[in-house]
Amino acid sequence: MRVFVNGRENNSVPALDRGLFYGQSVFETIAIVKGRPALLDEHLTRLQLGCKKVEINIDIRDISSEIKAICSNLDELNLILRVMVSMGAGGRGYQNPERQRPTRVMSLHEYPKISSDSGIFAGLSDVCLAHQPLLAGIKHGNRLEQILARQSWMDGWQEALVRDYEGNLIEGTQSNLFIVKENKVQTPLIDRCGVEGVMRNWVLDQLKVSGFSCSAVRLSLNDIIAADGVFLTNSIRGIQSVCKLQINDKNFIYSKSYIANRLQNTLLTHDLIPSI
């Protein structure tokens, strides 16, 4: 793993950084495919929105240039680039510092092995997400809910779905959720909690261009139980069909959606995820 702090290869940040103290930070996880950052503009757009929501002032052009400089020496490698921006050090208590000095941390990681095309086994976590519309959609630095949800996985699970306190399905621990019913595609609304994934939005755009019916709605457990197909999206893993879903010790079996398969093939064709 290589780490860059404020443009220089380094693995330390100031002890008083507000990203450490309060989680006042946002981040993106970007697939590097054959040495190039995939969906970079989309990631930068969400990073900029996230910074605005947590009141961090940045020049997105500087971050873009820094990412491109790091990737310029990667040859044809497939890697993961994590980009984090925090408020930096300063300020007393919760008050933002009068003069901001944001911290930028970028790290390169090995690409994980992708699960088989046969589909994955997922479950339903008992951890629920709290509503906070001010932060809904962005990838902010407080991932405690996701950490707790990850610890709730049962043996064999490769992902877990999470709900809000009203029982609405929101997303996976590290993915966005889609269901298919009679060739209509639906995904949960991300207006009160959850992450509006870059891959989620790419899928929605692709479906609309292809003429498929797709919408963001409130989804219940009954909706997913009655679905013909279920798939998950993630910037690193692309599109993964769910072949088996465990809810309260009962297993539900799904056929792999041809829509998910078509989307995954498009990702591979355009080098938006590696063929590994």
C-alpha atoms as a PDB file:
ATOM      1  CA  MET A   1       0.000   0.000   0.000  1.00  0.00           C
ATOM      2  CA  ARG A   2       1.220   3.476  -0.884  1.00  0.00           C
ATOM      3  CA  VAL A   3      -0.107   6.559   0.915  1.00  0.00           C
ATOM      4  CA  PHE A   4       0.055  10.197  -0.173  1.00  0.00           C
ATOM      5  CA  VAL A   5      -0.718  13.070   2.222  1.00  0.00           C
ATOM      6  CA  ASN A   6      -1.249  16.489   0.683  1.00  0.00           C
ATOM      7  CA  GLY A   7       0.489  15.449  -2.507  1.00  0.00           C
ATOM      8  CA  ARG A   8       3.547  13.807  -0.954  1.00  0.00           C
ATOM      9  CA  GLU A   9       4.174  10.145  -0.280  1.00  0.00           C
ATOM     10  CA  ASN A  10       3.744   9.909   3.465  1.00  0.00           C
ATOM     11  CA  ASN A  11       1.738   7.788   5.905  1.00  0.00           C
ATOM     12  CA  SER A  12       0.968  10.204   8.736  1.00  0.00           C
ATOM     13  CA  VAL A  13      -1.507  13.022   9.385  1.00  0.00           C
ATOM     14  CA  PRO A  14      -1.615  15.613  12.196  1.00  0.00           C
ATOM     15  CA  ALA A  15      -2.900  14.171  15.472  1.00  0.00           C
ATOM     16  CA  LEU A  16      -5.399  17.040  15.800  1.00  0.00           C
ATOM     17  CA  ASP A  17      -6.950  16.519  12.365  1.00  0.00           C
ATOM     18  CA  ARG A  18     -10.721  16.992  12.567  1.00  0.00           C
ATOM     19  CA  GLY A  19     -11.211  13.934  10.407  1.00  0.00           C
ATOM     20  CA  LEU A  20      -9.785  11.917  13.316  1.00  0.00           C
ATOM     21  CA  PHE A  21     -11.484  13.923  16.065  1.00  0.00           C
ATOM     22  CA  TYR A  22     -14.980  14.247  14.615  1.00  0.00           C
ATOM     23  CA  GLY A  23     -15.152  12.316  11.365  1.00  0.00           C
ATOM     24  CA  GLN A  24     -15.359  15.623   9.492  1.00  0.00           C
ATOM     25  CA  SER A  25     -14.244  14.162   6.208  1.00  0.00           C
ATOM     26  CA  VAL A  26     -15.500  12.640   2.979  1.00  0.00           C
ATOM     27  CA  PHE A  27     -13.991   9.998   0.743  1.00  0.00           C
ATOM     28  CA  GLU A  28     -14.237   8.179  -2.569  1.00  0.00           C
ATOM     29  CA  THR A  29     -13.123   4.693  -3.546  1.00  0.00           C
ATOM     30  CA  ILE A  30     -12.073   4.626  -7.190  1.00  0.00           C
ATOM     31  CA  ALA A  31     -11.289   1.659  -9.413  1.00  0.00           C
ATOM     32  CA  ILE A  32      -7.983   2.026 -11.239  1.00  0.00           C
ATOM     33  CA  VAL A  33      -8.280  -0.091 -14.383  1.00  0.00           C
ATOM     34  CA  LYS A  34      -5.201  -0.541 -16.540  1.00  0.00           C
ATOM     35  CA  GLY A  35      -3.659   2.456 -14.794  1.00  0.00           C
ATOM     36  CA  ARG A  36      -6.622   4.793 -15.355  1.00  0.00           C
ATOM     37  CA  PRO A  37      -9.203   6.008 -12.784  1.00  0.00           C
ATOM     38  CA  ALA A  38     -12.667   4.778 -13.791  1.00  0.00           C
ATOM     39  CA  LEU A  39     -15.644   7.167 -13.637  1.00  0.00           C
ATOM     40  CA  LEU A  40     -13.329   9.868 -12.307  1.00  0.00           C
ATOM     41  CA  ASP A  41     -15.583  12.826 -13.138  1.00  0.00           C
ATOM     42  CA  GLU A  42     -18.488  11.172 -11.327  1.00  0.00           C
ATOM     43  CA  HIS A  43     -16.366  10.496  -8.246  1.00  0.00           C
ATOM     44  CA  LEU A  44     -15.035  14.048  -8.214  1.00  0.00           C
ATOM     45  CA  THR A  45     -18.566  15.446  -8.489  1.00  0.00           C
ATOM     46  CA  ARG A  46     -19.700  13.481  -5.443  1.00  0.00           C
ATOM     47  CA  LEU A  47     -16.522  14.341  -3.538  1.00  0.00           C
ATOM     48  CA  GLN A  48     -17.136  18.023  -4.188  1.00  0.00           C
ATOM     49  CA  LEU A  49     -20.765  17.708  -3.062  1.00  0.00           C
ATOM     50  CA  GLY A  50     -19.693  15.869   0.070  1.00  0.00           C
ATOM     51  CA  CYS A  51     -17.123  18.537   0.934  1.00  0.00           C
ATOM     52  CA  LYS A  52     -19.763  21.213   0.519  1.00  0.00           C
ATOM     53  CA  LYS A  53     -22.164  19.390   2.846  1.00  0.00           C
ATOM     54  CA  VAL A  54     -19.584  19.075   5.632  1.00  0.00           C
ATOM     55  CA  GLU A  55     -18.303  22.628   4.933  1.00  0.00           C
ATOM     56  CA  ILE A  56     -14.814  21.786   3.685  1.00  0.00           C
ATOM     57  CA  ASN A  57     -13.542  24.254   1.097  1.00  0.00           C
ATOM     58  CA  ILE A  58     -11.591  22.592  -1.722  1.00  0.00           C
ATOM     59  CA  ASP A  59     -10.534  23.236  -5.289  1.00  0.00           C
ATOM     60  CA  ILE A  60     -11.608  20.070  -7.072  1.00  0.00           C
ATOM     61  CA  ARG A  61      -9.166  20.813  -9.907  1.00  0.00           C
ATOM     62  CA  ASP A  62      -6.239  20.363  -7.539  1.00  0.00           C
ATOM     63  CA  ILE A  63      -7.563  16.995  -6.393  1.00  0.00           C
ATOM     64  CA  SER A  64      -8.157  15.907  -9.986  1.00  0.00           C
ATOM     65  CA  SER A  65      -4.600  16.836 -10.932  1.00  0.00           C
ATOM     66  CA  GLU A  66      -3.219  14.994  -7.918  1.00  0.00           C
ATOM     67  CA  ILE A  67      -5.144  11.830  -8.794  1.00  0.00           C
ATOM     68  CA  LYS A  68      -3.947  11.954 -12.394  1.00  0.00           C
ATOM     69  CA  ALA A  69      -0.335  12.463 -11.242  1.00  0.00           C
ATOM     70  CA  ILE A  70      -0.523   9.390  -8.993  1.00  0.00           C
ATOM     71  CA  CYS A  71      -2.043   7.307 -11.784  1.00  0.00           C
ATOM     72  CA  SER A  72       0.497   8.466 -14.366  1.00  0.00           C
ATOM     73  CA  ASN A  73       3.071   5.988 -13.021  1.00  0.00           C
ATOM     74  CA  LEU A  74       0.828   2.960 -12.642  1.00  0.00           C
ATOM     75  CA  ASP A  75       1.368   1.517 -16.131  1.00  0.00           C
ATOM     76  CA  GLU A  76      -1.390  -1.058 -16.802  1.00  0.00           C
ATOM     77  CA  LEU A  77      -2.031  -2.000 -13.165  1.00  0.00           C
ATOM     78  CA  ASN A  78      -5.454  -2.649 -11.635  1.00  0.00           C
ATOM     79  CA  LEU A  79      -5.639  -1.055  -8.192  1.00  0.00           C
ATOM     80  CA  ILE A  80      -7.963   0.752  -5.813  1.00  0.00           C
ATOM     81  CA  LEU A  81      -7.449   4.439  -5.055  1.00  0.00           C
ATOM     82  CA  ARG A  82      -9.052   5.776  -1.900  1.00  0.00           C
ATOM     83  CA  VAL A  83      -9.307   9.560  -1.799  1.00  0.00           C
ATOM     84  CA  MET A  84     -10.111  11.218   1.536  1.00  0.00           C
ATOM     85  CA  VAL A  85     -10.462  14.927   2.282  1.00  0.00           C
ATOM     86  CA  SER A  86     -10.801  16.149   5.870  1.00  0.00           C
ATOM     87  CA  MET A  87     -11.208  19.591   7.390  1.00  0.00           C
ATOM     88  CA  GLY A  88      -7.651  19.335   8.714  1.00  0.00           C
ATOM     89  CA  ALA A  89      -6.470  20.569  12.104  1.00  0.00           C
ATOM     90  CA  GLY A  90      -7.794  23.645  13.893  1.00  0.00           C
ATOM     91  CA  GLY A  91     -10.852  25.093  15.535  1.00  0.00           C
ATOM     92  CA  ARG A  92     -12.078  24.711  19.100  1.00  0.00           C
ATOM     93  CA  GLY A  93     -14.682  22.063  19.778  1.00  0.00           C
ATOM     94  CA  TYR A  94     -17.259  21.710  17.011  1.00  0.00           C
ATOM     95  CA  GLN A  95     -16.683  25.199  15.627  1.00  0.00           C
ATOM     96  CA  ASN A  96     -14.972  25.116  12.230  1.00  0.00           C
ATOM     97  CA  PRO A  97     -11.551  26.781  12.082  1.00  0.00           C
ATOM     98  CA  GLU A  98     -11.523  30.350  10.840  1.00  0.00           C
ATOM     99  CA  ARG A  99      -8.799  29.434   8.375  1.00  0.00           C
ATOM    100  CA  GLN A 100      -9.164  26.040   6.773  1.00  0.00           C
ATOM    101  CA  ARG A 101      -6.226  23.791   5.961  1.00  0.00           C
ATOM    102  CA  PRO A 102      -7.873  20.662   4.536  1.00  0.00           C
ATOM    103  CA  THR A 103      -5.954  17.394   4.593  1.00  0.00           C
ATOM    104  CA  ARG A 104      -5.903  15.191   1.491  1.00  0.00           C
ATOM    105  CA  VAL A 105      -5.045  11.524   1.925  1.00  0.00           C
ATOM    106  CA  MET A 106      -4.815   9.223  -1.082  1.00  0.00           C
ATOM    107  CA  SER A 107      -3.912   5.561  -0.806  1.00  0.00           C
ATOM    108  CA  LEU A 108      -3.377   2.773  -3.340  1.00  0.00           C
ATOM    109  CA  HIS A 109      -4.523  -0.771  -2.535  1.00  0.00           C
ATOM    110  CA  GLU A 110      -4.534  -4.161  -4.234  1.00  0.00           C
ATOM    111  CA  TYR A 111      -7.657  -5.069  -6.183  1.00  0.00           C
ATOM    112  CA  PRO A 112      -9.753  -7.793  -4.489  1.00  0.00           C
ATOM    113  CA  LYS A 113     -10.746 -11.049  -6.118  1.00  0.00           C
ATOM    114  CA  ILE A 114     -14.240 -10.701  -7.548  1.00  0.00           C
ATOM    115  CA  SER A 115     -16.854 -13.307  -6.650  1.00  0.00           C
ATOM    116  CA  SER A 116     -18.007 -15.829  -9.221  1.00  0.00           C
ATOM    117  CA  ASP A 117     -20.505 -14.892 -11.939  1.00  0.00           C
ATOM    118  CA  SER A 118     -22.858 -17.471 -10.426  1.00  0.00           C
ATOM    119  CA  GLY A 119     -24.045 -14.865  -7.909  1.00  0.00           C
ATOM    120  CA  ILE A 120     -23.515 -14.185  -4.229  1.00  0.00           C
ATOM    121  CA  PHE A 121     -25.124 -15.176  -0.938  1.00  0.00           C
ATOM    122  CA  ALA A 122     -26.440 -12.172   1.020  1.00  0.00           C
ATOM    123  CA  GLY A 123     -28.329 -11.719   4.266  1.00  0.00           C
ATOM    124  CA  LEU A 124     -30.346  -9.134   6.154  1.00  0.00           C
ATOM    125  CA  SER A 125     -28.521  -7.242   8.901  1.00  0.00           C
ATOM    126  CA  ASP A 126     -30.297  -6.359  12.132  1.00  0.00           C
ATOM    127  CA  VAL A 127     -28.423  -3.020  12.195  1.00  0.00           C
ATOM    128  CA  CYS A 128     -30.656  -0.142  11.092  1.00  0.00           C
ATOM    129  CA  LEU A 129     -29.596   3.202   9.608  1.00  0.00           C
ATOM    130  CA  ALA A 130     -30.591   6.464  11.253  1.00  0.00           C
ATOM    131  CA  HIS A 131     -32.209   9.218   9.188  1.00  0.00           C
ATOM    132  CA  GLN A 132     -30.087  12.303   8.520  1.00  0.00           C
ATOM    133  CA  PRO A 133     -31.140  14.026   5.268  1.00  0.00           C
ATOM    134  CA  LEU A 134     -28.298  16.571   5.562  1.00  0.00           C
ATOM    135  CA  LEU A 135     -25.754  13.800   5.037  1.00  0.00           C
ATOM    136  CA  ALA A 136     -27.778  11.403   2.896  1.00  0.00           C
ATOM    137  CA  GLY A 137     -26.046  10.404  -0.328  1.00  0.00           C
ATOM    138  CA  ILE A 138     -22.448  11.346   0.459  1.00  0.00           C
ATOM    139  CA  LYS A 139     -19.608   9.139   1.725  1.00  0.00           C
ATOM    140  CA  HIS A 140     -18.695  10.949   4.922  1.00  0.00           C
ATOM    141  CA  GLY A 141     -16.057   9.783   7.362  1.00  0.00           C
ATOM    142  CA  ASN A 142     -18.420   8.332   9.961  1.00  0.00           C
ATOM    143  CA  ARG A 143     -18.850   4.694   8.905  1.00  0.00           C
ATOM    144  CA  LEU A 144     -19.818   3.299  12.331  1.00  0.00           C
ATOM    145  CA  GLU A 145     -23.192   2.041  11.119  1.00  0.00           C
ATOM    146  CA  GLN A 146     -21.509   0.152   8.286  1.00  0.00           C
ATOM    147  CA  ILE A 147     -18.876  -1.254  10.648  1.00  0.00           C
ATOM    148  CA  LEU A 148     -21.590  -2.550  12.977  1.00  0.00           C
ATOM    149  CA  ALA A 149     -23.534  -3.962  10.039  1.00  0.00           C
ATOM    150  CA  ARG A 150     -20.428  -5.758   8.785  1.00  0.00           C
ATOM    151  CA  GLN A 151     -19.967  -7.423  12.162  1.00  0.00           C
ATOM    152  CA  SER A 152     -23.534  -8.771  11.936  1.00  0.00           C
ATOM    153  CA  TRP A 153     -22.769 -10.972   8.916  1.00  0.00           C
ATOM    154  CA  MET A 154     -23.521 -14.661   9.366  1.00  0.00           C
ATOM    155  CA  ASP A 155     -21.211 -17.425   8.118  1.00  0.00           C
ATOM    156  CA  GLY A 156     -21.275 -17.623   4.340  1.00  0.00           C
ATOM    157  CA  TRP A 157     -22.729 -14.179   3.722  1.00  0.00           C
ATOM    158  CA  GLN A 158     -20.893 -12.137   1.101  1.00  0.00           C
ATOM    159  CA  GLU A 159     -22.935  -8.989   1.742  1.00  0.00           C
ATOM    160  CA  ALA A 160     -25.746  -7.851   4.033  1.00  0.00           C
ATOM    161  CA  LEU A 161     -28.690  -5.569   3.324  1.00  0.00           C
ATOM    162  CA  VAL A 162     -29.578  -2.834   5.803  1.00  0.00           C
ATOM    163  CA  ARG A 163     -32.848  -1.044   6.522  1.00  0.00           C
ATOM    164  CA  ASP A 164     -33.806   2.213   8.189  1.00  0.00           C
ATOM    165  CA  TYR A 165     -35.838   2.326  11.404  1.00  0.00           C
ATOM    166  CA  GLU A 166     -39.080   2.387   9.424  1.00  0.00           C
ATOM    167  CA  GLY A 167     -38.219  -0.967   7.859  1.00  0.00           C
ATOM    168  CA  ASN A 168     -37.388   0.388   4.393  1.00  0.00           C
ATOM    169  CA  LEU A 169     -34.545  -1.339   2.574  1.00  0.00           C
ATOM    170  CA  ILE A 170     -31.754   1.179   1.935  1.00  0.00           C
ATOM    171  CA  GLU A 171     -28.584  -0.503   0.650  1.00  0.00           C
ATOM    172  CA  GLY A 172     -25.958  -3.136   1.317  1.00  0.00           C
ATOM    173  CA  THR A 173     -23.163  -2.767   3.835  1.00  0.00           C
ATOM    174  CA  GLN A 174     -20.868  -1.744   0.972  1.00  0.00           C
ATOM    175  CA  SER A 175     -23.173  -1.627  -2.032  1.00  0.00           C
ATOM    176  CA  ASN A 176     -26.392  -0.246  -3.488  1.00  0.00           C
ATOM    177  CA  LEU A 177     -29.436  -2.425  -4.028  1.00  0.00           C
ATOM    178  CA  PHE A 178     -31.572  -3.053  -7.125  1.00  0.00           C
ATOM    179  CA  ILE A 179     -34.507  -5.414  -7.612  1.00  0.00           C
ATOM    180  CA  VAL A 180     -36.048  -6.597 -10.870  1.00  0.00           C
ATOM    181  CA  LYS A 181     -39.765  -7.459 -11.187  1.00  0.00           C
ATOM    182  CA  GLU A 182     -41.321  -8.144 -14.594  1.00  0.00           C
ATOM    183  CA  ASN A 183     -38.476  -6.290 -16.359  1.00  0.00           C
ATOM    184  CA  LYS A 184     -38.959  -3.218 -14.174  1.00  0.00           C
ATOM    185  CA  VAL A 185     -35.973  -2.147 -12.084  1.00  0.00           C
ATOM    186  CA  GLN A 186     -36.252  -0.414  -8.728  1.00  0.00           C
ATOM    187  CA  THR A 187     -33.694   0.881  -6.241  1.00  0.00           C
ATOM    188  CA  PRO A 188     -34.214   2.431  -2.787  1.00  0.00           C
ATOM    189  CA  LEU A 189     -34.523   6.181  -2.378  1.00  0.00           C
ATOM    190  CA  ILE A 190     -31.403   7.714  -0.822  1.00  0.00           C
ATOM    191  CA  ASP A 191     -32.975  10.880   0.536  1.00  0.00           C
ATOM    192  CA  ARG A 192     -32.848  10.290   4.294  1.00  0.00           C
ATOM    193  CA  CYS A 193     -29.874   7.968   4.761  1.00  0.00           C
ATOM    194  CA  GLY A 194     -27.508   5.779   2.787  1.00  0.00           C
ATOM    195  CA  VAL A 195     -24.890   6.402   0.102  1.00  0.00           C
ATOM    196  CA  GLU A 196     -25.802   7.483  -3.422  1.00  0.00           C
ATOM    197  CA  GLY A 197     -23.212   5.317  -5.116  1.00  0.00           C
ATOM    198  CA  VAL A 198     -21.402   6.380  -8.267  1.00  0.00           C
ATOM    199  CA  MET A 199     -22.049   2.920  -9.733  1.00  0.00           C
ATOM    200  CA  ARG A 200     -25.709   3.155  -8.692  1.00  0.00           C
ATOM    201  CA  ASN A 201     -26.118   6.358 -10.681  1.00  0.00           C
ATOM    202  CA  TRP A 202     -24.220   4.891 -13.637  1.00  0.00           C
ATOM    203  CA  VAL A 203     -26.628   1.941 -13.674  1.00  0.00           C
ATOM    204  CA  LEU A 204     -29.667   4.234 -13.535  1.00  0.00           C
ATOM    205  CA  ASP A 205     -28.324   6.231 -16.477  1.00  0.00           C
ATOM    206  CA  GLN A 206     -27.581   3.075 -18.482  1.00  0.00           C
ATOM    207  CA  LEU A 207     -31.043   1.656 -17.855  1.00  0.00           C
ATOM    208  CA  LYS A 208     -32.741   4.851 -18.975  1.00  0.00           C
ATOM    209  CA  VAL A 209     -30.643   5.029 -22.156  1.00  0.00           C
ATOM    210  CA  SER A 210     -31.485   1.382 -22.873  1.00  0.00           C
ATOM    211  CA  GLY A 211     -35.212   1.973 -22.458  1.00  0.00           C
ATOM    212  CA  PHE A 212     -35.725  -0.032 -19.275  1.00  0.00           C
ATOM    213  CA  SER A 213     -38.248   1.110 -16.697  1.00  0.00           C
ATOM    214  CA  CYS A 214     -36.294   2.132 -13.586  1.00  0.00           C
ATOM    215  CA  SER A 215     -37.184   4.188 -10.537  1.00  0.00           C
ATOM    216  CA  ALA A 216     -36.039   5.055  -7.012  1.00  0.00           C
ATOM    217  CA  VAL A 217     -38.741   4.162  -4.490  1.00  0.00           C
ATOM    218  CA  ARG A 218     -39.336   3.013  -0.912  1.00  0.00           C
ATOM    219  CA  LEU A 219     -38.665  -0.717  -0.875  1.00  0.00           C
ATOM    220  CA  SER A 220     -39.920  -3.156   1.759  1.00  0.00           C
ATOM    221  CA  LEU A 221     -38.963  -6.724   2.609  1.00  0.00           C
ATOM    222  CA  ASN A 222     -42.103  -7.883   0.806  1.00  0.00           C
ATOM    223  CA  ASP A 223     -40.866  -6.161  -2.358  1.00  0.00           C
ATOM    224  CA  ILE A 224     -37.555  -7.985  -2.370  1.00  0.00           C
ATOM    225  CA  ILE A 225     -39.148 -11.322  -1.461  1.00  0.00           C
ATOM    226  CA  ALA A 226     -41.469 -11.000  -4.466  1.00  0.00           C
ATOM    227  CA  ALA A 227     -38.694  -9.871  -6.843  1.00  0.00           C
ATOM    228  CA  ASP A 228     -37.641 -11.890  -9.874  1.00  0.00           C
ATOM    229  CA  GLY A 229     -34.029 -10.826  -9.469  1.00  0.00           C
ATOM    230  CA  VAL A 230     -31.778  -8.877  -7.119  1.00  0.00           C
ATOM    231  CA  PHE A 231     -28.410  -7.293  -7.828  1.00  0.00           C
ATOM    232  CA  LEU A 232     -25.950  -5.061  -6.000  1.00  0.00           C
ATOM    233  CA  THR A 233     -23.668  -2.334  -7.310  1.00  0.00           C
ATOM    234  CA  ASN A 234     -20.290  -1.110  -6.144  1.00  0.00           C
ATOM    235  CA  SER A 235     -17.552   0.947  -7.828  1.00  0.00           C
ATOM    236  CA  ILE A 236     -14.982  -1.782  -7.242  1.00  0.00           C
ATOM    237  CA  ARG A 237     -17.007  -4.950  -7.818  1.00  0.00           C
ATOM    238  CA  GLY A 238     -19.342  -3.560 -10.453  1.00  0.00           C
ATOM    239  CA  ILE A 239     -22.654  -5.449 -10.595  1.00  0.00           C
ATOM    240  CA  GLN A 240     -23.206  -8.626  -8.595  1.00  0.00           C
ATOM    241  CA  SER A 241     -26.361 -10.717  -8.777  1.00  0.00           C
ATOM    242  CA  VAL A 242     -27.736 -12.118  -5.539  1.00  0.00           C
ATOM    243  CA  CYS A 243     -28.480 -15.823  -5.966  1.00  0.00           C
ATOM    244  CA  LYS A 244     -29.581 -16.446  -2.376  1.00  0.00           C
ATOM    245  CA  LEU A 245     -30.880 -14.052   0.285  1.00  0.00           C
ATOM    246  CA  GLN A 246     -31.284 -15.075   3.927  1.00  0.00           C
ATOM    247  CA  ILE A 247     -33.984 -13.311   5.931  1.00  0.00           C
ATOM    248  CA  ASN A 248     -34.737 -14.529   9.453  1.00  0.00           C
ATOM    249  CA  ASP A 249     -33.263 -17.997   8.813  1.00  0.00           C
ATOM    250  CA  LYS A 250     -35.302 -18.401   5.621  1.00  0.00           C
ATOM    251  CA  ASN A 251     -33.560 -18.516   2.240  1.00  0.00           C
ATOM    252  CA  PHE A 252     -34.925 -16.940  -0.934  1.00  0.00           C
ATOM    253  CA  ILE A 253     -33.470 -18.051  -4.271  1.00  0.00           C
ATOM    254  CA  TYR A 254     -33.178 -15.793  -7.333  1.00  0.00           C
ATOM    255  CA  SER A 255     -32.203 -16.377 -10.922  1.00  0.00           C
ATOM    256  CA  LYS A 256     -29.393 -14.247 -12.247  1.00  0.00           C
ATOM    257  CA  SER A 257     -30.875 -11.218 -13.978  1.00  0.00           C
ATOM    258  CA  TYR A 258     -29.965 -10.795 -17.627  1.00  0.00           C
ATOM    259  CA  ILE A 259     -30.144  -7.044 -16.961  1.00  0.00           C
ATOM    260  CA  ALA A 260     -27.362  -7.351 -14.369  1.00  0.00           C
ATOM    261  CA  ASN A 261     -25.332  -9.520 -16.720  1.00  0.00           C
ATOM    262  CA  ARG A 262     -25.714  -6.977 -19.531  1.00  0.00           C
ATOM    263  CA  LEU A 263     -24.640  -4.119 -17.265  1.00  0.00           C
ATOM    264  CA  GLN A 264     -21.588  -6.037 -16.027  1.00  0.00           C
ATOM    265  CA  ASN A 265     -20.527  -6.791 -19.587  1.00  0.00           C
ATOM    266  CA  THR A 266     -20.799  -3.079 -20.427  1.00  0.00           C
ATOM    267  CA  LEU A 267     -18.552  -2.241 -17.470  1.00  0.00           C
ATOM    268  CA  LEU A 268     -15.954  -4.748 -18.637  1.00  0.00           C
ATOM    269  CA  THR A 269     -16.133  -3.593 -22.258  1.00  0.00           C
ATOM    270  CA  HIS A 270     -15.479   0.024 -21.274  1.00  0.00           C
ATOM    271  CA  ASP A 271     -12.751  -0.825 -18.723  1.00  0.00           C
ATOM    272  CA  LEU A 272     -14.766   0.526 -15.794  1.00  0.00           C
ATOM    273  CA  ILE A 273     -13.858  -2.568 -13.754  1.00  0.00           C
ATOM    274  CA  PRO A 274     -11.018  -5.016 -14.476  1.00  0.00           C
ATOM    275  CA  SER A 275     -11.635  -8.455 -15.924  1.00  0.00           C
ATOM    276  CA  ILE A 276     -10.078 -10.374 -13.027  1.00  0.00           C
END
